[in-house]
Amino acid sequence: FYNWFAINTGNLCPTGWHVPTDTEFNTLEMYLGIPPASVDIYGWRGTDQGAQLKNTSGWAAGENGTNTSGFSALPGGYRYGVDGSYNAVGILTYWWTSSPDVVPNSWYRRLDGPSSQVYKGTTAKVAGKYVRCVQD
């Protein structure tokens, strides 16, 4: 888990890699079938794109995905920014983007066990979320 301030250092990913921007996540989602007119909507979007991102095992019964994207998402939960507690392990997962929103928030993506969609939102930069690195 990382807070967004660690991402903003530019030092999390190996040389030649970076934490994806909100726009790069949008590109992935459009590739998986979310219509371009929907990628900037705040909240749940798409149809089965979350299932395409989820691993074929590791989620609760009936909540695994198809992993047709190769993303292999697992339900690792998150770290609450207010008190540092770990929550929702085995239920959902989040990834930061490198794109800030209005202070004190930044953009993320979320997958939930019972949903096949992808959630786009913002939250406090002090929260702990996962990071994926993409090649430059």
N, C-alpha and C. Protein backbone atom coordinates (compact mmCIF):
# COMPACT_ATOMS: atom_id res chain seq x y z
N PHE A 1 0.84 -1.19 0.00
CA PHE A 1 0.00 0.00 0.00
C PHE A 1 0.88 1.25 0.00
N TYR A 2 0.46 2.23 -0.76
CA TYR A 2 1.16 3.51 -0.80
C TYR A 2 0.15 4.62 -0.65
N ASN A 3 0.57 5.72 -0.03
CA ASN A 3 -0.27 6.91 -0.10
C ASN A 3 0.11 7.64 -1.38
N TRP A 4 -0.71 8.61 -1.77
CA TRP A 4 -0.48 9.28 -3.04
C TRP A 4 0.79 10.12 -3.03
N PHE A 5 1.20 10.57 -1.86
CA PHE A 5 2.42 11.38 -1.77
C PHE A 5 3.65 10.57 -2.18
N ALA A 6 3.65 9.27 -1.88
CA ALA A 6 4.75 8.40 -2.32
C ALA A 6 4.76 8.30 -3.84
N ILE A 7 3.58 8.25 -4.45
CA ILE A 7 3.49 8.20 -5.91
C ILE A 7 4.04 9.48 -6.51
N ASN A 8 3.70 10.59 -5.91
CA ASN A 8 4.08 11.89 -6.44
C ASN A 8 5.59 12.12 -6.43
N THR A 9 6.35 11.32 -5.69
CA THR A 9 7.81 11.45 -5.70
C THR A 9 8.40 11.03 -7.04
N GLY A 10 7.67 10.18 -7.78
CA GLY A 10 8.19 9.66 -9.04
C GLY A 10 9.21 8.56 -8.87
N ASN A 11 9.37 8.05 -7.64
CA ASN A 11 10.41 7.07 -7.35
C ASN A 11 9.88 5.66 -7.08
N LEU A 12 8.58 5.40 -7.25
CA LEU A 12 8.05 4.08 -6.92
C LEU A 12 8.35 3.03 -7.98
N CYS A 13 8.33 3.42 -9.22
CA CYS A 13 8.49 2.45 -10.30
C CYS A 13 9.94 2.39 -10.77
N PRO A 14 10.34 1.26 -11.33
CA PRO A 14 11.70 1.15 -11.86
C PRO A 14 11.92 2.13 -13.02
N THR A 15 13.16 2.38 -13.34
CA THR A 15 13.50 3.24 -14.47
C THR A 15 12.81 2.71 -15.73
N GLY A 16 12.20 3.62 -16.46
CA GLY A 16 11.49 3.24 -17.68
C GLY A 16 10.04 2.88 -17.45
N TRP A 17 9.57 3.02 -16.23
CA TRP A 17 8.19 2.70 -15.87
C TRP A 17 7.62 3.87 -15.07
N HIS A 18 6.29 3.94 -14.97
CA HIS A 18 5.64 5.01 -14.20
C HIS A 18 4.27 4.56 -13.71
N VAL A 19 3.75 5.27 -12.72
CA VAL A 19 2.38 5.03 -12.24
C VAL A 19 1.45 5.65 -13.28
N PRO A 20 0.46 4.90 -13.77
CA PRO A 20 -0.40 5.42 -14.84
C PRO A 20 -1.24 6.62 -14.40
N THR A 21 -1.48 7.49 -15.34
CA THR A 21 -2.36 8.64 -15.12
C THR A 21 -3.82 8.19 -15.21
N ASP A 22 -4.71 9.08 -14.84
CA ASP A 22 -6.13 8.83 -15.02
C ASP A 22 -6.44 8.59 -16.50
N THR A 23 -5.82 9.35 -17.37
CA THR A 23 -6.03 9.20 -18.82
C THR A 23 -5.58 7.83 -19.30
N GLU A 24 -4.47 7.32 -18.76
CA GLU A 24 -4.00 5.99 -19.16
C GLU A 24 -4.95 4.90 -18.67
N PHE A 25 -5.52 5.05 -17.47
CA PHE A 25 -6.55 4.11 -17.02
C PHE A 25 -7.77 4.20 -17.94
N ASN A 26 -8.15 5.41 -18.35
CA ASN A 26 -9.27 5.57 -19.29
C ASN A 26 -9.00 4.80 -20.58
N THR A 27 -7.78 4.89 -21.08
CA THR A 27 -7.41 4.19 -22.33
C THR A 27 -7.57 2.69 -22.16
N LEU A 28 -7.10 2.14 -21.04
CA LEU A 28 -7.28 0.72 -20.76
C LEU A 28 -8.76 0.36 -20.74
N GLU A 29 -9.55 1.16 -20.06
CA GLU A 29 -10.99 0.88 -19.94
C GLU A 29 -11.69 0.93 -21.30
N MET A 30 -11.30 1.88 -22.15
CA MET A 30 -11.89 1.93 -23.49
C MET A 30 -11.47 0.72 -24.31
N TYR A 31 -10.22 0.29 -24.17
CA TYR A 31 -9.75 -0.91 -24.85
C TYR A 31 -10.59 -2.13 -24.44
N LEU A 32 -10.98 -2.17 -23.16
CA LEU A 32 -11.78 -3.29 -22.65
C LEU A 32 -13.27 -3.14 -22.97
N GLY A 33 -13.67 -1.98 -23.53
CA GLY A 33 -15.06 -1.84 -24.00
C GLY A 33 -15.90 -0.78 -23.35
N ILE A 34 -15.37 0.00 -22.40
CA ILE A 34 -16.16 1.11 -21.85
C ILE A 34 -16.23 2.19 -22.93
N PRO A 35 -17.41 2.67 -23.27
CA PRO A 35 -17.53 3.70 -24.31
C PRO A 35 -16.77 4.97 -23.94
N PRO A 36 -16.14 5.62 -24.92
CA PRO A 36 -15.39 6.85 -24.64
C PRO A 36 -16.21 7.90 -23.89
N ALA A 37 -17.50 7.98 -24.15
CA ALA A 37 -18.35 8.97 -23.48
C ALA A 37 -18.55 8.67 -22.00
N SER A 38 -18.19 7.46 -21.58
CA SER A 38 -18.40 7.05 -20.18
C SER A 38 -17.15 7.07 -19.32
N VAL A 39 -15.96 7.18 -19.91
CA VAL A 39 -14.74 7.00 -19.11
C VAL A 39 -14.52 8.11 -18.09
N ASP A 40 -15.08 9.29 -18.31
CA ASP A 40 -14.87 10.37 -17.35
C ASP A 40 -15.99 10.49 -16.32
N ILE A 41 -16.91 9.54 -16.33
CA ILE A 41 -17.99 9.53 -15.35
C ILE A 41 -17.45 9.08 -14.00
N TYR A 42 -17.82 9.80 -12.95
CA TYR A 42 -17.45 9.46 -11.58
C TYR A 42 -18.43 8.38 -11.11
N GLY A 43 -17.92 7.26 -10.63
CA GLY A 43 -18.77 6.18 -10.13
C GLY A 43 -18.59 4.90 -10.93
N TRP A 44 -19.58 4.02 -10.83
CA TRP A 44 -19.53 2.73 -11.53
C TRP A 44 -19.75 2.93 -13.01
N ARG A 45 -18.88 2.27 -13.82
CA ARG A 45 -18.96 2.41 -15.27
C ARG A 45 -18.72 1.08 -15.94
N GLY A 46 -19.25 0.98 -17.16
CA GLY A 46 -19.03 -0.21 -17.97
C GLY A 46 -20.00 -1.32 -17.68
N THR A 47 -19.68 -2.48 -18.24
CA THR A 47 -20.53 -3.67 -18.07
C THR A 47 -19.73 -4.79 -17.42
N ASP A 48 -18.80 -5.38 -18.18
CA ASP A 48 -18.00 -6.49 -17.65
C ASP A 48 -16.50 -6.17 -17.56
N GLN A 49 -16.13 -4.90 -17.64
CA GLN A 49 -14.71 -4.54 -17.64
C GLN A 49 -14.02 -4.86 -16.31
N GLY A 50 -14.75 -4.77 -15.22
CA GLY A 50 -14.19 -5.17 -13.93
C GLY A 50 -13.88 -6.66 -13.90
N ALA A 51 -14.77 -7.46 -14.46
CA ALA A 51 -14.54 -8.91 -14.55
C ALA A 51 -13.33 -9.21 -15.43
N GLN A 52 -13.15 -8.42 -16.48
CA GLN A 52 -11.99 -8.62 -17.36
C GLN A 52 -10.68 -8.31 -16.63
N LEU A 53 -10.73 -7.44 -15.63
CA LEU A 53 -9.55 -7.08 -14.85
C LEU A 53 -9.29 -8.02 -13.68
N LYS A 54 -10.34 -8.66 -13.16
CA LYS A 54 -10.20 -9.53 -11.98
C LYS A 54 -9.54 -10.85 -12.33
N ASN A 55 -8.75 -11.34 -11.38
CA ASN A 55 -8.14 -12.65 -11.51
C ASN A 55 -9.22 -13.74 -11.53
N THR A 56 -8.89 -14.90 -12.06
CA THR A 56 -9.85 -16.00 -12.14
C THR A 56 -9.98 -16.75 -10.82
N SER A 57 -9.17 -16.40 -9.83
CA SER A 57 -9.28 -16.98 -8.49
C SER A 57 -8.86 -15.92 -7.48
N GLY A 58 -9.17 -16.18 -6.21
CA GLY A 58 -8.76 -15.27 -5.15
C GLY A 58 -9.88 -14.40 -4.61
N TRP A 59 -10.96 -14.29 -5.36
CA TRP A 59 -12.13 -13.54 -4.91
C TRP A 59 -13.10 -14.52 -4.24
N ALA A 60 -14.12 -14.02 -3.58
CA ALA A 60 -15.13 -14.89 -2.94
C ALA A 60 -15.85 -15.71 -4.01
N ALA A 61 -16.51 -16.78 -3.56
CA ALA A 61 -17.25 -17.65 -4.48
C ALA A 61 -18.21 -16.83 -5.34
N GLY A 62 -18.15 -17.03 -6.64
CA GLY A 62 -19.02 -16.34 -7.58
C GLY A 62 -18.58 -14.93 -7.94
N GLU A 63 -17.43 -14.48 -7.40
CA GLU A 63 -16.97 -13.10 -7.65
C GLU A 63 -15.68 -13.02 -8.46
N ASN A 64 -15.11 -14.17 -8.84
CA ASN A 64 -13.90 -14.15 -9.65
C ASN A 64 -14.19 -13.57 -11.02
N GLY A 65 -13.13 -13.13 -11.68
CA GLY A 65 -13.29 -12.55 -13.00
C GLY A 65 -12.84 -13.51 -14.09
N THR A 66 -12.75 -12.97 -15.30
CA THR A 66 -12.29 -13.73 -16.46
C THR A 66 -10.81 -13.48 -16.73
N ASN A 67 -10.27 -12.38 -16.23
CA ASN A 67 -8.89 -11.96 -16.43
C ASN A 67 -8.50 -11.93 -17.90
N THR A 68 -9.44 -11.66 -18.79
CA THR A 68 -9.11 -11.59 -20.21
C THR A 68 -8.16 -10.43 -20.52
N SER A 69 -8.03 -9.49 -19.61
CA SER A 69 -7.11 -8.36 -19.79
C SER A 69 -5.67 -8.71 -19.40
N GLY A 70 -5.51 -9.76 -18.58
CA GLY A 70 -4.19 -10.10 -18.05
C GLY A 70 -3.79 -9.25 -16.86
N PHE A 71 -4.69 -8.41 -16.35
CA PHE A 71 -4.40 -7.51 -15.23
C PHE A 71 -4.29 -8.27 -13.90
N SER A 72 -5.02 -9.37 -13.76
CA SER A 72 -4.94 -10.27 -12.60
C SER A 72 -5.24 -9.61 -11.25
N ALA A 73 -6.26 -8.76 -11.19
CA ALA A 73 -6.62 -8.04 -9.97
C ALA A 73 -7.08 -8.99 -8.86
N LEU A 74 -6.57 -8.75 -7.67
CA LEU A 74 -6.95 -9.51 -6.48
C LEU A 74 -7.54 -8.55 -5.45
N PRO A 75 -8.41 -9.06 -4.56
CA PRO A 75 -9.10 -8.20 -3.58
C PRO A 75 -8.27 -7.92 -2.34
N GLY A 76 -7.33 -6.99 -2.45
CA GLY A 76 -6.41 -6.72 -1.36
C GLY A 76 -6.88 -5.70 -0.34
N GLY A 77 -8.05 -5.08 -0.57
CA GLY A 77 -8.55 -4.10 0.38
C GLY A 77 -7.86 -2.76 0.22
N TYR A 78 -7.81 -2.01 1.32
CA TYR A 78 -7.20 -0.68 1.31
C TYR A 78 -6.78 -0.30 2.73
N ARG A 79 -6.01 0.76 2.82
CA ARG A 79 -5.62 1.29 4.12
C ARG A 79 -6.30 2.64 4.32
N TYR A 80 -7.08 2.74 5.39
CA TYR A 80 -7.85 3.94 5.69
C TYR A 80 -6.91 5.07 6.10
N GLY A 81 -7.04 6.21 5.44
CA GLY A 81 -6.13 7.32 5.67
C GLY A 81 -6.26 7.99 7.03
N VAL A 82 -7.42 7.89 7.66
CA VAL A 82 -7.64 8.58 8.93
C VAL A 82 -6.89 7.90 10.08
N ASP A 83 -6.98 6.58 10.17
CA ASP A 83 -6.36 5.89 11.32
C ASP A 83 -5.37 4.79 10.92
N GLY A 84 -5.15 4.59 9.63
CA GLY A 84 -4.19 3.59 9.18
C GLY A 84 -4.67 2.16 9.22
N SER A 85 -5.95 1.95 9.52
CA SER A 85 -6.47 0.58 9.60
C SER A 85 -6.62 -0.03 8.20
N TYR A 86 -6.50 -1.35 8.15
CA TYR A 86 -6.68 -2.09 6.90
C TYR A 86 -8.12 -2.56 6.83
N ASN A 87 -8.74 -2.41 5.67
CA ASN A 87 -10.16 -2.73 5.52
C ASN A 87 -10.44 -3.46 4.21
N ALA A 88 -11.51 -4.23 4.22
CA ALA A 88 -12.09 -4.87 3.03
C ALA A 88 -11.15 -5.84 2.32
N VAL A 89 -10.18 -6.40 3.03
CA VAL A 89 -9.31 -7.41 2.43
C VAL A 89 -10.18 -8.61 2.04
N GLY A 90 -10.03 -9.07 0.82
CA GLY A 90 -10.83 -10.18 0.30
C GLY A 90 -12.16 -9.74 -0.29
N ILE A 91 -12.45 -8.44 -0.24
CA ILE A 91 -13.74 -7.93 -0.71
C ILE A 91 -13.62 -7.01 -1.91
N LEU A 92 -12.61 -6.11 -1.87
CA LEU A 92 -12.45 -5.14 -2.96
C LEU A 92 -10.99 -4.74 -3.07
N THR A 93 -10.69 -3.91 -4.06
CA THR A 93 -9.32 -3.44 -4.23
C THR A 93 -9.31 -2.09 -4.94
N TYR A 94 -8.26 -1.32 -4.71
CA TYR A 94 -8.09 0.02 -5.30
C TYR A 94 -6.70 0.16 -5.92
N TRP A 95 -6.58 1.02 -6.93
CA TRP A 95 -5.29 1.44 -7.47
C TRP A 95 -5.29 2.94 -7.63
N TRP A 96 -4.20 3.57 -7.19
CA TRP A 96 -4.02 4.98 -7.42
C TRP A 96 -3.71 5.24 -8.89
N THR A 97 -4.09 6.41 -9.37
CA THR A 97 -3.51 6.96 -10.59
C THR A 97 -2.51 8.01 -10.12
N SER A 98 -1.70 8.50 -11.03
CA SER A 98 -0.76 9.57 -10.66
C SER A 98 -1.40 10.95 -10.83
N SER A 99 -2.69 10.97 -11.18
CA SER A 99 -3.37 12.25 -11.46
C SER A 99 -4.04 12.81 -10.21
N PRO A 100 -3.61 14.00 -9.78
CA PRO A 100 -4.27 14.63 -8.63
C PRO A 100 -5.63 15.19 -9.03
N ASP A 101 -6.50 15.30 -8.07
CA ASP A 101 -7.77 16.00 -8.23
C ASP A 101 -7.66 17.25 -7.35
N VAL A 102 -8.75 17.83 -6.99
CA VAL A 102 -8.67 18.99 -6.10
C VAL A 102 -8.11 18.55 -4.75
N VAL A 103 -7.34 19.43 -4.13
CA VAL A 103 -6.74 19.14 -2.82
C VAL A 103 -7.85 18.82 -1.83
N PRO A 104 -7.78 17.77 -1.05
CA PRO A 104 -6.64 16.89 -0.81
C PRO A 104 -6.78 15.53 -1.50
N ASN A 105 -7.47 15.45 -2.61
CA ASN A 105 -7.79 14.17 -3.22
C ASN A 105 -7.00 13.87 -4.49
N SER A 106 -7.05 12.58 -4.87
CA SER A 106 -6.47 12.12 -6.12
C SER A 106 -7.36 11.01 -6.68
N TRP A 107 -7.21 10.74 -7.97
CA TRP A 107 -8.05 9.76 -8.68
C TRP A 107 -7.59 8.33 -8.41
N TYR A 108 -8.54 7.41 -8.38
CA TYR A 108 -8.26 5.98 -8.22
C TYR A 108 -9.23 5.17 -9.06
N ARG A 109 -8.98 3.86 -9.13
CA ARG A 109 -9.91 2.89 -9.69
C ARG A 109 -10.16 1.84 -8.63
N ARG A 110 -11.37 1.26 -8.65
CA ARG A 110 -11.77 0.29 -7.63
C ARG A 110 -12.54 -0.84 -8.29
N LEU A 111 -12.32 -2.05 -7.79
CA LEU A 111 -13.10 -3.23 -8.16
C LEU A 111 -13.68 -3.83 -6.90
N ASP A 112 -14.94 -4.23 -6.95
CA ASP A 112 -15.62 -4.90 -5.83
C ASP A 112 -15.96 -6.32 -6.24
N GLY A 113 -15.97 -7.22 -5.27
CA GLY A 113 -16.29 -8.61 -5.54
C GLY A 113 -17.57 -8.83 -6.31
N PRO A 114 -18.72 -8.32 -5.84
CA PRO A 114 -19.97 -8.62 -6.52
C PRO A 114 -20.22 -7.82 -7.80
N SER A 115 -19.35 -6.88 -8.14
CA SER A 115 -19.57 -6.04 -9.32
C SER A 115 -18.65 -6.44 -10.47
N SER A 116 -19.18 -6.35 -11.68
CA SER A 116 -18.37 -6.58 -12.88
C SER A 116 -17.95 -5.27 -13.53
N GLN A 117 -18.30 -4.16 -12.90
CA GLN A 117 -17.96 -2.85 -13.43
C GLN A 117 -16.68 -2.31 -12.77
N VAL A 118 -16.25 -1.14 -13.22
CA VAL A 118 -15.08 -0.45 -12.67
C VAL A 118 -15.56 0.86 -12.06
N TYR A 119 -15.10 1.13 -10.85
CA TYR A 119 -15.46 2.37 -10.17
C TYR A 119 -14.33 3.38 -10.33
N LYS A 120 -14.68 4.61 -10.69
CA LYS A 120 -13.71 5.71 -10.79
C LYS A 120 -14.10 6.76 -9.77
N GLY A 121 -13.14 7.18 -8.94
CA GLY A 121 -13.45 8.18 -7.95
C GLY A 121 -12.19 8.86 -7.45
N THR A 122 -12.38 9.71 -6.44
CA THR A 122 -11.26 10.37 -5.78
C THR A 122 -11.37 10.14 -4.28
N THR A 123 -10.24 10.22 -3.62
CA THR A 123 -10.20 10.09 -2.17
C THR A 123 -8.96 10.81 -1.65
N ALA A 124 -8.89 10.90 -0.34
CA ALA A 124 -7.78 11.60 0.31
C ALA A 124 -6.43 10.97 -0.04
N LYS A 125 -5.47 11.80 -0.33
CA LYS A 125 -4.14 11.34 -0.73
C LYS A 125 -3.40 10.59 0.38
N VAL A 126 -3.86 10.70 1.62
CA VAL A 126 -3.20 9.99 2.72
C VAL A 126 -3.61 8.53 2.81
N ALA A 127 -4.64 8.13 2.06
CA ALA A 127 -5.12 6.75 2.10
C ALA A 127 -4.12 5.81 1.44
N GLY A 128 -4.17 4.54 1.80
CA GLY A 128 -3.28 3.53 1.22
C GLY A 128 -3.99 2.73 0.14
N LYS A 129 -3.41 2.77 -1.05
CA LYS A 129 -3.95 2.03 -2.20
C LYS A 129 -2.79 1.33 -2.90
N TYR A 130 -3.15 0.40 -3.77
CA TYR A 130 -2.14 -0.28 -4.56
C TYR A 130 -1.69 0.58 -5.73
N VAL A 131 -0.56 0.19 -6.32
CA VAL A 131 0.00 0.88 -7.46
C VAL A 131 0.38 -0.15 -8.51
N ARG A 132 0.07 0.13 -9.75
CA ARG A 132 0.57 -0.64 -10.89
C ARG A 132 1.51 0.27 -11.66
N CYS A 133 2.61 -0.26 -12.08
CA CYS A 133 3.54 0.49 -12.92
C CYS A 133 3.34 0.07 -14.36
N VAL A 134 3.43 1.04 -15.26
CA VAL A 134 3.32 0.75 -16.70
C VAL A 134 4.60 1.25 -17.37
N GLN A 135 4.94 0.59 -18.45
CA GLN A 135 6.17 0.94 -19.14
C GLN A 135 6.01 2.25 -19.90
N ASP A 136 7.07 3.08 -19.85
CA ASP A 136 7.07 4.37 -20.55
C ASP A 136 6.93 4.18 -22.05
